[in-house]
Each structure stands twice: as C-alpha cells, then as structure tokens.
Amino acid sequence: ANVCEDLLFCKEMTDTGKASDLFAIIDSYMKENN
C-alpha cells in the first residue's frame, strides 16, 4: 500500500544528447532486466 521511490540507474552518455540516444540507453536497460 506504499509508494516507493528509488534510483533505477545512472548511465554514461557516450553519444550525443539527442532523444534517440537517450531512448537507446533506457530501452537497452529495460530489455536487459526484462
């Protein structure tokens, strides 16, 4: 019944800061951890 908040990940941005690059970092993490 509680709402919890945590740090999910902190990833280094090796490419540009475009939306596609940011989404690639997030999507790869989601796939790795199912």
Full PDB file with SEQRES, HELIX, SHEET, SSBOND, CRYST1, ORIGX, SCALE, CONECT and MASTER records, all heavy atoms in Angstrom:
SEQRES   1 A   34  ALA ASN VAL CYS GLU ASP LEU LEU PHE CYS LYS GLU MET          
SEQRES   2 A   34  THR ASP THR GLY LYS ALA SER ASP LEU PHE ALA ILE ILE          
SEQRES   3 A   34  ASP SER TYR MET LYS GLU ASN ASN                              
HELIX    1 AA1 ALA A   19  GLU A   32  1                                  14    
CRYST1    1.000    1.000    1.000  90.00  90.00  90.00 P 1           1          
ORIGX1      1.000000  0.000000  0.000000        0.00000                         
ORIGX2      0.000000  1.000000  0.000000        0.00000                         
ORIGX3      0.000000  0.000000  1.000000        0.00000                         
SCALE1      1.000000  0.000000  0.000000        0.00000                         
SCALE2      0.000000  1.000000  0.000000        0.00000                         
SCALE3      0.000000  0.000000  1.000000        0.00000                         
ATOM      1  N   ALA A   1       0.820  -1.215   0.000  1.00  0.00           N  
ATOM      2  CA  ALA A   1       0.000   0.000   0.000  1.00  0.00           C  
ATOM      3  C   ALA A   1       0.853   1.262   0.000  1.00  0.00           C  
ATOM      4  O   ALA A   1       0.310   2.367   0.078  1.00  0.00           O  
ATOM      5  CB  ALA A   1      -0.914   0.001   1.225  1.00  0.00           C  
ATOM      6  N   ASN A   2       2.162   1.116  -0.104  1.00  0.00           N  
ATOM      7  CA  ASN A   2       3.074   2.254  -0.040  1.00  0.00           C  
ATOM      8  C   ASN A   2       3.624   2.593  -1.419  1.00  0.00           C  
ATOM      9  O   ASN A   2       3.828   1.706  -2.252  1.00  0.00           O  
ATOM     10  CB  ASN A   2       4.235   1.951   0.912  1.00  0.00           C  
ATOM     11  CG  ASN A   2       3.761   1.655   2.321  1.00  0.00           C  
ATOM     12  OD1 ASN A   2       2.827   2.297   2.816  1.00  0.00           O  
ATOM     13  ND2 ASN A   2       4.392   0.687   2.974  1.00  0.00           N  
ATOM     14  N   VAL A   3       3.899   3.882  -1.636  1.00  0.00           N  
ATOM     15  CA  VAL A   3       4.551   4.356  -2.852  1.00  0.00           C  
ATOM     16  C   VAL A   3       6.040   4.502  -2.555  1.00  0.00           C  
ATOM     17  O   VAL A   3       6.419   5.244  -1.658  1.00  0.00           O  
ATOM     18  CB  VAL A   3       3.957   5.691  -3.325  1.00  0.00           C  
ATOM     19  CG1 VAL A   3       4.685   6.172  -4.578  1.00  0.00           C  
ATOM     20  CG2 VAL A   3       2.469   5.556  -3.593  1.00  0.00           C  
ATOM     21  N   CYS A   4       6.876   3.795  -3.298  1.00  0.00           N  
ATOM     22  CA  CYS A   4       8.318   3.796  -3.075  1.00  0.00           C  
ATOM     23  C   CYS A   4       9.029   4.470  -4.247  1.00  0.00           C  
ATOM     24  O   CYS A   4       8.551   4.415  -5.383  1.00  0.00           O  
ATOM     25  CB  CYS A   4       8.852   2.377  -2.893  1.00  0.00           C  
ATOM     26  SG  CYS A   4       8.120   1.494  -1.499  1.00  0.00           S  
ATOM     27  N   GLU A   5      10.142   5.083  -3.953  1.00  0.00           N  
ATOM     28  CA  GLU A   5      10.944   5.761  -4.981  1.00  0.00           C  
ATOM     29  C   GLU A   5      12.402   5.369  -4.817  1.00  0.00           C  
ATOM     30  O   GLU A   5      12.939   5.391  -3.709  1.00  0.00           O  
ATOM     31  CB  GLU A   5      10.786   7.278  -4.853  1.00  0.00           C  
ATOM     32  CG  GLU A   5      11.544   8.070  -5.916  1.00  0.00           C  
ATOM     33  CD  GLU A   5      11.313   9.555  -5.806  1.00  0.00           C  
ATOM     34  OE1 GLU A   5      10.264   9.956  -5.259  1.00  0.00           O  
ATOM     35  OE2 GLU A   5      12.189  10.319  -6.256  1.00  0.00           O  
ATOM     36  N   ASP A   6      13.049   4.983  -5.912  1.00  0.00           N  
ATOM     37  CA  ASP A   6      14.445   4.548  -5.875  1.00  0.00           C  
ATOM     38  C   ASP A   6      15.164   5.039  -7.126  1.00  0.00           C  
ATOM     39  O   ASP A   6      14.525   5.376  -8.134  1.00  0.00           O  
ATOM     40  CB  ASP A   6      14.559   3.021  -5.815  1.00  0.00           C  
ATOM     41  CG  ASP A   6      14.246   2.474  -4.447  1.00  0.00           C  
ATOM     42  OD1 ASP A   6      14.922   2.898  -3.487  1.00  0.00           O  
ATOM     43  OD2 ASP A   6      13.324   1.647  -4.310  1.00  0.00           O  
ATOM     44  N   LEU A   7      16.493   5.053  -7.037  1.00  0.00           N  
ATOM     45  CA  LEU A   7      17.329   5.317  -8.204  1.00  0.00           C  
ATOM     46  C   LEU A   7      17.399   4.045  -9.038  1.00  0.00           C  
ATOM     47  O   LEU A   7      17.875   3.009  -8.563  1.00  0.00           O  
ATOM     48  CB  LEU A   7      18.725   5.752  -7.772  1.00  0.00           C  
ATOM     49  CG  LEU A   7      19.757   5.941  -8.889  1.00  0.00           C  
ATOM     50  CD1 LEU A   7      19.365   7.083  -9.802  1.00  0.00           C  
ATOM     51  CD2 LEU A   7      21.137   6.186  -8.301  1.00  0.00           C  
ATOM     52  N   LEU A   8      16.901   4.089 -10.276  1.00  0.00           N  
ATOM     53  CA  LEU A   8      16.883   2.896 -11.111  1.00  0.00           C  
ATOM     54  C   LEU A   8      18.235   2.653 -11.758  1.00  0.00           C  
ATOM     55  O   LEU A   8      18.777   1.552 -11.691  1.00  0.00           O  
ATOM     56  CB  LEU A   8      15.793   3.034 -12.185  1.00  0.00           C  
ATOM     57  CG  LEU A   8      15.543   1.797 -13.051  1.00  0.00           C  
ATOM     58  CD1 LEU A   8      15.149   0.607 -12.186  1.00  0.00           C  
ATOM     59  CD2 LEU A   8      14.479   2.070 -14.099  1.00  0.00           C  
ATOM     60  N   PHE A   9      18.819   3.671 -12.396  1.00  0.00           N  
ATOM     61  CA  PHE A   9      20.149   3.514 -12.980  1.00  0.00           C  
ATOM     62  C   PHE A   9      20.765   4.882 -13.232  1.00  0.00           C  
ATOM     63  O   PHE A   9      20.078   5.914 -13.228  1.00  0.00           O  
ATOM     64  CB  PHE A   9      20.113   2.702 -14.282  1.00  0.00           C  
ATOM     65  CG  PHE A   9      19.387   3.370 -15.424  1.00  0.00           C  
ATOM     66  CD1 PHE A   9      20.001   4.342 -16.191  1.00  0.00           C  
ATOM     67  CD2 PHE A   9      18.079   3.024 -15.733  1.00  0.00           C  
ATOM     68  CE1 PHE A   9      19.343   4.962 -17.240  1.00  0.00           C  
ATOM     69  CE2 PHE A   9      17.412   3.631 -16.785  1.00  0.00           C  
ATOM     70  CZ  PHE A   9      18.044   4.599 -17.534  1.00  0.00           C  
ATOM     71  N   CYS A  10      22.066   4.866 -13.445  1.00  0.00           N  
ATOM     72  CA  CYS A  10      22.830   6.049 -13.841  1.00  0.00           C  
ATOM     73  C   CYS A  10      23.810   5.597 -14.910  1.00  0.00           C  
ATOM     74  O   CYS A  10      24.776   4.894 -14.607  1.00  0.00           O  
ATOM     75  CB  CYS A  10      23.537   6.666 -12.647  1.00  0.00           C  
ATOM     76  SG  CYS A  10      24.538   8.115 -13.061  1.00  0.00           S  
ATOM     77  N   LYS A  11      23.571   5.975 -16.154  1.00  0.00           N  
ATOM     78  CA  LYS A  11      24.357   5.507 -17.282  1.00  0.00           C  
ATOM     79  C   LYS A  11      25.104   6.673 -17.933  1.00  0.00           C  
ATOM     80  O   LYS A  11      24.578   7.786 -18.052  1.00  0.00           O  
ATOM     81  CB  LYS A  11      23.450   4.854 -18.345  1.00  0.00           C  
ATOM     82  CG  LYS A  11      22.676   3.634 -17.849  1.00  0.00           C  
ATOM     83  CD  LYS A  11      23.580   2.439 -17.685  1.00  0.00           C  
ATOM     84  CE  LYS A  11      22.783   1.189 -17.355  1.00  0.00           C  
ATOM     85  NZ  LYS A  11      23.659   0.010 -17.191  1.00  0.00           N  
ATOM     86  N   GLU A  12      26.335   6.384 -18.348  1.00  0.00           N  
ATOM     87  CA  GLU A  12      27.130   7.403 -19.025  1.00  0.00           C  
ATOM     88  C   GLU A  12      26.636   7.595 -20.455  1.00  0.00           C  
ATOM     89  O   GLU A  12      26.345   6.625 -21.162  1.00  0.00           O  
ATOM     90  CB  GLU A  12      28.603   7.010 -19.037  1.00  0.00           C  
ATOM     91  CG  GLU A  12      29.510   8.067 -19.645  1.00  0.00           C  
ATOM     92  CD  GLU A  12      30.968   7.679 -19.605  1.00  0.00           C  
ATOM     93  OE1 GLU A  12      31.268   6.592 -19.074  1.00  0.00           O  
ATOM     94  OE2 GLU A  12      31.804   8.449 -20.109  1.00  0.00           O  
ATOM     95  N   MET A  13      26.554   8.851 -20.881  1.00  0.00           N  
ATOM     96  CA  MET A  13      26.114   9.180 -22.235  1.00  0.00           C  
ATOM     97  C   MET A  13      27.351   9.337 -23.112  1.00  0.00           C  
ATOM     98  O   MET A  13      28.017  10.372 -23.071  1.00  0.00           O  
ATOM     99  CB  MET A  13      25.272  10.454 -22.215  1.00  0.00           C  
ATOM    100  CG  MET A  13      23.982  10.329 -21.409  1.00  0.00           C  
ATOM    101  SD  MET A  13      23.183  11.919 -21.099  1.00  0.00           S  
ATOM    102  CE  MET A  13      23.068  12.570 -22.758  1.00  0.00           C  
ATOM    103  N   THR A  14      27.650   8.310 -23.869  1.00  0.00           N  
ATOM    104  CA  THR A  14      28.841   8.339 -24.720  1.00  0.00           C  
ATOM    105  C   THR A  14      28.569   9.019 -26.054  1.00  0.00           C  
ATOM    106  O   THR A  14      29.496   9.526 -26.688  1.00  0.00           O  
ATOM    107  CB  THR A  14      29.340   6.914 -24.972  1.00  0.00           C  
ATOM    108  OG1 THR A  14      28.275   6.124 -25.533  1.00  0.00           O  
ATOM    109  CG2 THR A  14      29.791   6.261 -23.666  1.00  0.00           C  
ATOM    110  N   ASP A  15      27.326   9.028 -26.498  1.00  0.00           N  
ATOM    111  CA  ASP A  15      26.969   9.661 -27.772  1.00  0.00           C  
ATOM    112  C   ASP A  15      26.441  11.072 -27.517  1.00  0.00           C  
ATOM    113  O   ASP A  15      26.657  11.651 -26.453  1.00  0.00           O  
ATOM    114  CB  ASP A  15      25.926   8.815 -28.511  1.00  0.00           C  
ATOM    115  CG  ASP A  15      26.474   7.436 -28.871  1.00  0.00           C  
ATOM    116  OD1 ASP A  15      27.684   7.339 -29.123  1.00  0.00           O  
ATOM    117  OD2 ASP A  15      25.691   6.471 -28.884  1.00  0.00           O  
ATOM    118  N   THR A  16      25.728  11.602 -28.479  1.00  0.00           N  
ATOM    119  CA  THR A  16      25.139  12.928 -28.340  1.00  0.00           C  
ATOM    120  C   THR A  16      23.943  12.860 -27.396  1.00  0.00           C  
ATOM    121  O   THR A  16      23.510  11.782 -26.995  1.00  0.00           O  
ATOM    122  CB  THR A  16      24.692  13.465 -29.710  1.00  0.00           C  
ATOM    123  OG1 THR A  16      23.687  12.582 -30.257  1.00  0.00           O  
ATOM    124  CG2 THR A  16      25.866  13.533 -30.662  1.00  0.00           C  
ATOM    125  N   GLY A  17      23.414  14.032 -27.065  1.00  0.00           N  
ATOM    126  CA  GLY A  17      22.267  14.094 -26.172  1.00  0.00           C  
ATOM    127  C   GLY A  17      20.948  14.127 -26.904  1.00  0.00           C  
ATOM    128  O   GLY A  17      19.960  14.666 -26.383  1.00  0.00           O  
ATOM    129  N   LYS A  18      20.899  13.551 -28.112  1.00  0.00           N  
ATOM    130  CA  LYS A  18      19.649  13.524 -28.869  1.00  0.00           C  
ATOM    131  C   LYS A  18      18.661  12.563 -28.224  1.00  0.00           C  
ATOM    132  O   LYS A  18      19.028  11.673 -27.461  1.00  0.00           O  
ATOM    133  CB  LYS A  18      19.920  13.109 -30.313  1.00  0.00           C  
ATOM    134  CG  LYS A  18      20.778  14.093 -31.092  1.00  0.00           C  
ATOM    135  CD  LYS A  18      20.984  13.617 -32.517  1.00  0.00           C  
ATOM    136  CE  LYS A  18      21.833  14.598 -33.316  1.00  0.00           C  
ATOM    137  NZ  LYS A  18      22.073  14.124 -34.706  1.00  0.00           N  
ATOM    138  N   ALA A  19      17.387  12.754 -28.573  1.00  0.00           N  
ATOM    139  CA  ALA A  19      16.337  11.925 -27.990  1.00  0.00           C  
ATOM    140  C   ALA A  19      16.536  10.449 -28.314  1.00  0.00           C  
ATOM    141  O   ALA A  19      16.311   9.577 -27.474  1.00  0.00           O  
ATOM    142  CB  ALA A  19      14.964  12.395 -28.483  1.00  0.00           C  
ATOM    143  N   SER A  20      16.984  10.170 -29.538  1.00  0.00           N  
ATOM    144  CA  SER A  20      17.184   8.767 -29.936  1.00  0.00           C  
ATOM    145  C   SER A  20      18.282   8.104 -29.114  1.00  0.00           C  
ATOM    146  O   SER A  20      18.172   6.933 -28.731  1.00  0.00           O  
ATOM    147  CB  SER A  20      17.520   8.689 -31.426  1.00  0.00           C  
ATOM    148  OG  SER A  20      18.677   9.477 -31.720  1.00  0.00           O  
ATOM    149  N   ASP A  21      19.358   8.862 -28.811  1.00  0.00           N  
ATOM    150  CA  ASP A  21      20.442   8.308 -27.996  1.00  0.00           C  
ATOM    151  C   ASP A  21      19.983   8.060 -26.561  1.00  0.00           C  
ATOM    152  O   ASP A  21      20.326   7.036 -25.954  1.00  0.00           O  
ATOM    153  CB  ASP A  21      21.640   9.248 -28.004  1.00  0.00           C  
ATOM    154  CG  ASP A  21      22.208   9.447 -29.402  1.00  0.00           C  
ATOM    155  OD1 ASP A  21      22.153   8.493 -30.192  1.00  0.00           O  
ATOM    156  OD2 ASP A  21      22.688  10.556 -29.698  1.00  0.00           O  
ATOM    157  N   LEU A  22      19.211   9.009 -26.016  1.00  0.00           N  
ATOM    158  CA  LEU A  22      18.704   8.828 -24.653  1.00  0.00           C  
ATOM    159  C   LEU A  22      17.759   7.638 -24.579  1.00  0.00           C  
ATOM    160  O   LEU A  22      17.820   6.835 -23.630  1.00  0.00           O  
ATOM    161  CB  LEU A  22      17.988  10.105 -24.190  1.00  0.00           C  
ATOM    162  CG  LEU A  22      18.816  11.397 -24.172  1.00  0.00           C  
ATOM    163  CD1 LEU A  22      17.967  12.567 -23.737  1.00  0.00           C  
ATOM    164  CD2 LEU A  22      20.007  11.245 -23.243  1.00  0.00           C  
ATOM    165  N   PHE A  23      16.899   7.511 -25.579  1.00  0.00           N  
ATOM    166  CA  PHE A  23      15.946   6.396 -25.571  1.00  0.00           C  
ATOM    167  C   PHE A  23      16.667   5.063 -25.725  1.00  0.00           C  
ATOM    168  O   PHE A  23      16.259   4.056 -25.122  1.00  0.00           O  
ATOM    169  CB  PHE A  23      14.932   6.577 -26.701  1.00  0.00           C  
ATOM    170  CG  PHE A  23      13.937   5.450 -26.783  1.00  0.00           C  
ATOM    171  CD1 PHE A  23      12.904   5.350 -25.857  1.00  0.00           C  
ATOM    172  CD2 PHE A  23      14.034   4.485 -27.777  1.00  0.00           C  
ATOM    173  CE1 PHE A  23      11.993   4.305 -25.921  1.00  0.00           C  
ATOM    174  CE2 PHE A  23      13.128   3.446 -27.846  1.00  0.00           C  
ATOM    175  CZ  PHE A  23      12.106   3.361 -26.925  1.00  0.00           C  
ATOM    176  N   ALA A  24      17.752   5.030 -26.505  1.00  0.00           N  
ATOM    177  CA  ALA A  24      18.506   3.786 -26.680  1.00  0.00           C  
ATOM    178  C   ALA A  24      19.091   3.316 -25.350  1.00  0.00           C  
ATOM    179  O   ALA A  24      19.106   2.106 -25.056  1.00  0.00           O  
ATOM    180  CB  ALA A  24      19.615   3.982 -27.715  1.00  0.00           C  
ATOM    181  N   ILE A  25      19.569   4.254 -24.520  1.00  0.00           N  
ATOM    182  CA  ILE A  25      20.117   3.891 -23.210  1.00  0.00           C  
ATOM    183  C   ILE A  25      19.029   3.301 -22.321  1.00  0.00           C  
ATOM    184  O   ILE A  25      19.215   2.251 -21.679  1.00  0.00           O  
ATOM    185  CB  ILE A  25      20.751   5.121 -22.541  1.00  0.00           C  
ATOM    186  CG1 ILE A  25      21.951   5.613 -23.360  1.00  0.00           C  
ATOM    187  CG2 ILE A  25      21.181   4.804 -21.110  1.00  0.00           C  
ATOM    188  CD1 ILE A  25      22.546   6.914 -22.853  1.00  0.00           C  
ATOM    189  N   ILE A  26      17.870   3.951 -22.299  1.00  0.00           N  
ATOM    190  CA  ILE A  26      16.780   3.484 -21.435  1.00  0.00           C  
ATOM    191  C   ILE A  26      16.239   2.152 -21.932  1.00  0.00           C  
ATOM    192  O   ILE A  26      16.020   1.209 -21.155  1.00  0.00           O  
ATOM    193  CB  ILE A  26      15.656   4.543 -21.384  1.00  0.00           C  
ATOM    194  CG1 ILE A  26      16.215   5.887 -20.923  1.00  0.00           C  
ATOM    195  CG2 ILE A  26      14.539   4.097 -20.449  1.00  0.00           C  
ATOM    196  CD1 ILE A  26      15.244   7.039 -21.077  1.00  0.00           C  
ATOM    197  N   ASP A  27      16.019   2.040 -23.241  1.00  0.00           N  
ATOM    198  CA  ASP A  27      15.430   0.824 -23.801  1.00  0.00           C  
ATOM    199  C   ASP A  27      16.352  -0.384 -23.612  1.00  0.00           C  
ATOM    200  O   ASP A  27      15.883  -1.490 -23.302  1.00  0.00           O  
ATOM    201  CB  ASP A  27      15.140   1.041 -25.290  1.00  0.00           C  
ATOM    202  CG  ASP A  27      14.324  -0.087 -25.890  1.00  0.00           C  
ATOM    203  OD1 ASP A  27      13.305  -0.467 -25.278  1.00  0.00           O  
ATOM    204  OD2 ASP A  27      14.710  -0.594 -26.960  1.00  0.00           O  
ATOM    205  N   SER A  28      17.662  -0.188 -23.764  1.00  0.00           N  
ATOM    206  CA  SER A  28      18.589  -1.311 -23.566  1.00  0.00           C  
ATOM    207  C   SER A  28      18.566  -1.783 -22.118  1.00  0.00           C  
ATOM    208  O   SER A  28      18.641  -2.984 -21.852  1.00  0.00           O  
ATOM    209  CB  SER A  28      20.003  -0.900 -23.978  1.00  0.00           C  
ATOM    210  OG  SER A  28      20.482   0.156 -23.152  1.00  0.00           O  
ATOM    211  N   TYR A  29      18.450  -0.836 -21.177  1.00  0.00           N  
ATOM    212  CA  TYR A  29      18.378  -1.242 -19.772  1.00  0.00           C  
ATOM    213  C   TYR A  29      17.093  -2.027 -19.505  1.00  0.00           C  
ATOM    214  O   TYR A  29      17.107  -3.032 -18.782  1.00  0.00           O  
ATOM    215  CB  TYR A  29      18.439  -0.007 -18.872  1.00  0.00           C  
ATOM    216  CG  TYR A  29      18.287  -0.328 -17.399  1.00  0.00           C  
ATOM    217  CD1 TYR A  29      19.393  -0.704 -16.646  1.00  0.00           C  
ATOM    218  CD2 TYR A  29      17.056  -0.268 -16.772  1.00  0.00           C  
ATOM    219  CE1 TYR A  29      19.273  -1.017 -15.310  1.00  0.00           C  
ATOM    220  CE2 TYR A  29      16.913  -0.576 -15.428  1.00  0.00           C  
ATOM    221  CZ  TYR A  29      18.029  -0.944 -14.702  1.00  0.00           C  
ATOM    222  OH  TYR A  29      17.887  -1.261 -13.370  1.00  0.00           O  
ATOM    223  N   MET A  30      15.979  -1.579 -20.070  1.00  0.00           N  
ATOM    224  CA  MET A  30      14.709  -2.280 -19.867  1.00  0.00           C  
ATOM    225  C   MET A  30      14.769  -3.701 -20.418  1.00  0.00           C  
ATOM    226  O   MET A  30      14.278  -4.653 -19.801  1.00  0.00           O  
ATOM    227  CB  MET A  30      13.573  -1.490 -20.541  1.00  0.00           C  
ATOM    228  CG  MET A  30      13.325  -0.114 -19.963  1.00  0.00           C  
ATOM    229  SD  MET A  30      12.761  -0.161 -18.251  1.00  0.00           S  
ATOM    230  CE  MET A  30      12.380   1.557 -17.957  1.00  0.00           C  
ATOM    231  N   LYS A  31      15.404  -3.855 -21.584  1.00  0.00           N  
ATOM    232  CA  LYS A  31      15.498  -5.189 -22.185  1.00  0.00           C  
ATOM    233  C   LYS A  31      16.425  -6.097 -21.393  1.00  0.00           C  
ATOM    234  O   LYS A  31      16.142  -7.283 -21.213  1.00  0.00           O  
ATOM    235  CB  LYS A  31      15.981  -5.071 -23.631  1.00  0.00           C  
ATOM    236  CG  LYS A  31      14.959  -4.437 -24.574  1.00  0.00           C  
ATOM    237  CD  LYS A  31      15.510  -4.312 -25.986  1.00  0.00           C  
ATOM    238  CE  LYS A  31      14.493  -3.688 -26.926  1.00  0.00           C  
ATOM    239  NZ  LYS A  31      15.038  -3.504 -28.297  1.00  0.00           N  
ATOM    240  N   GLU A  32      17.542  -5.548 -20.914  1.00  0.00           N  
ATOM    241  CA  GLU A  32      18.485  -6.364 -20.149  1.00  0.00           C  
ATOM    242  C   GLU A  32      17.867  -6.907 -18.871  1.00  0.00           C  
ATOM    243  O   GLU A  32      18.184  -8.023 -18.448  1.00  0.00           O  
ATOM    244  CB  GLU A  32      19.727  -5.537 -19.806  1.00  0.00           C  
ATOM    245  CG  GLU A  32      20.620  -5.220 -21.002  1.00  0.00           C  
ATOM    246  CD  GLU A  32      21.748  -4.273 -20.632  1.00  0.00           C  
ATOM    247  OE1 GLU A  32      21.851  -3.942 -19.418  1.00  0.00           O  
ATOM    248  OE2 GLU A  32      22.504  -3.871 -21.534  1.00  0.00           O  
ATOM    249  N   ASN A  33      16.990  -6.127 -18.251  1.00  0.00           N  
ATOM    250  CA  ASN A  33      16.406  -6.524 -16.972  1.00  0.00           C  
ATOM    251  C   ASN A  33      14.966  -7.017 -17.092  1.00  0.00           C  
ATOM    252  O   ASN A  33      14.302  -7.225 -16.065  1.00  0.00           O  
ATOM    253  CB  ASN A  33      16.456  -5.339 -15.995  1.00  0.00           C  
ATOM    254  CG  ASN A  33      17.867  -4.934 -15.646  1.00  0.00           C  
ATOM    255  OD1 ASN A  33      18.489  -5.506 -14.760  1.00  0.00           O  
ATOM    256  ND2 ASN A  33      18.391  -3.941 -16.353  1.00  0.00           N  
ATOM    257  N   ASN A  34      14.494  -7.193 -18.350  1.00  0.00           N  
ATOM    258  CA  ASN A  34      13.147  -7.735 -18.593  1.00  0.00           C  
ATOM    259  C   ASN A  34      12.056  -6.914 -17.896  1.00  0.00           C  
ATOM    260  O   ASN A  34      11.127  -7.461 -17.284  1.00  0.00           O  
ATOM    261  CB  ASN A  34      13.063  -9.196 -18.148  1.00  0.00           C  
ATOM    262  CG  ASN A  34      13.970 -10.103 -18.955  1.00  0.00           C  
ATOM    263  OD1 ASN A  34      14.103  -9.933 -20.162  1.00  0.00           O  
ATOM    264  ND2 ASN A  34      14.609 -11.058 -18.301  1.00  0.00           N  
TER     265      ASN A  34                                                      
MASTER        0    0    0    1    0    0    0    6  264    1    0    3          
END                                                                             
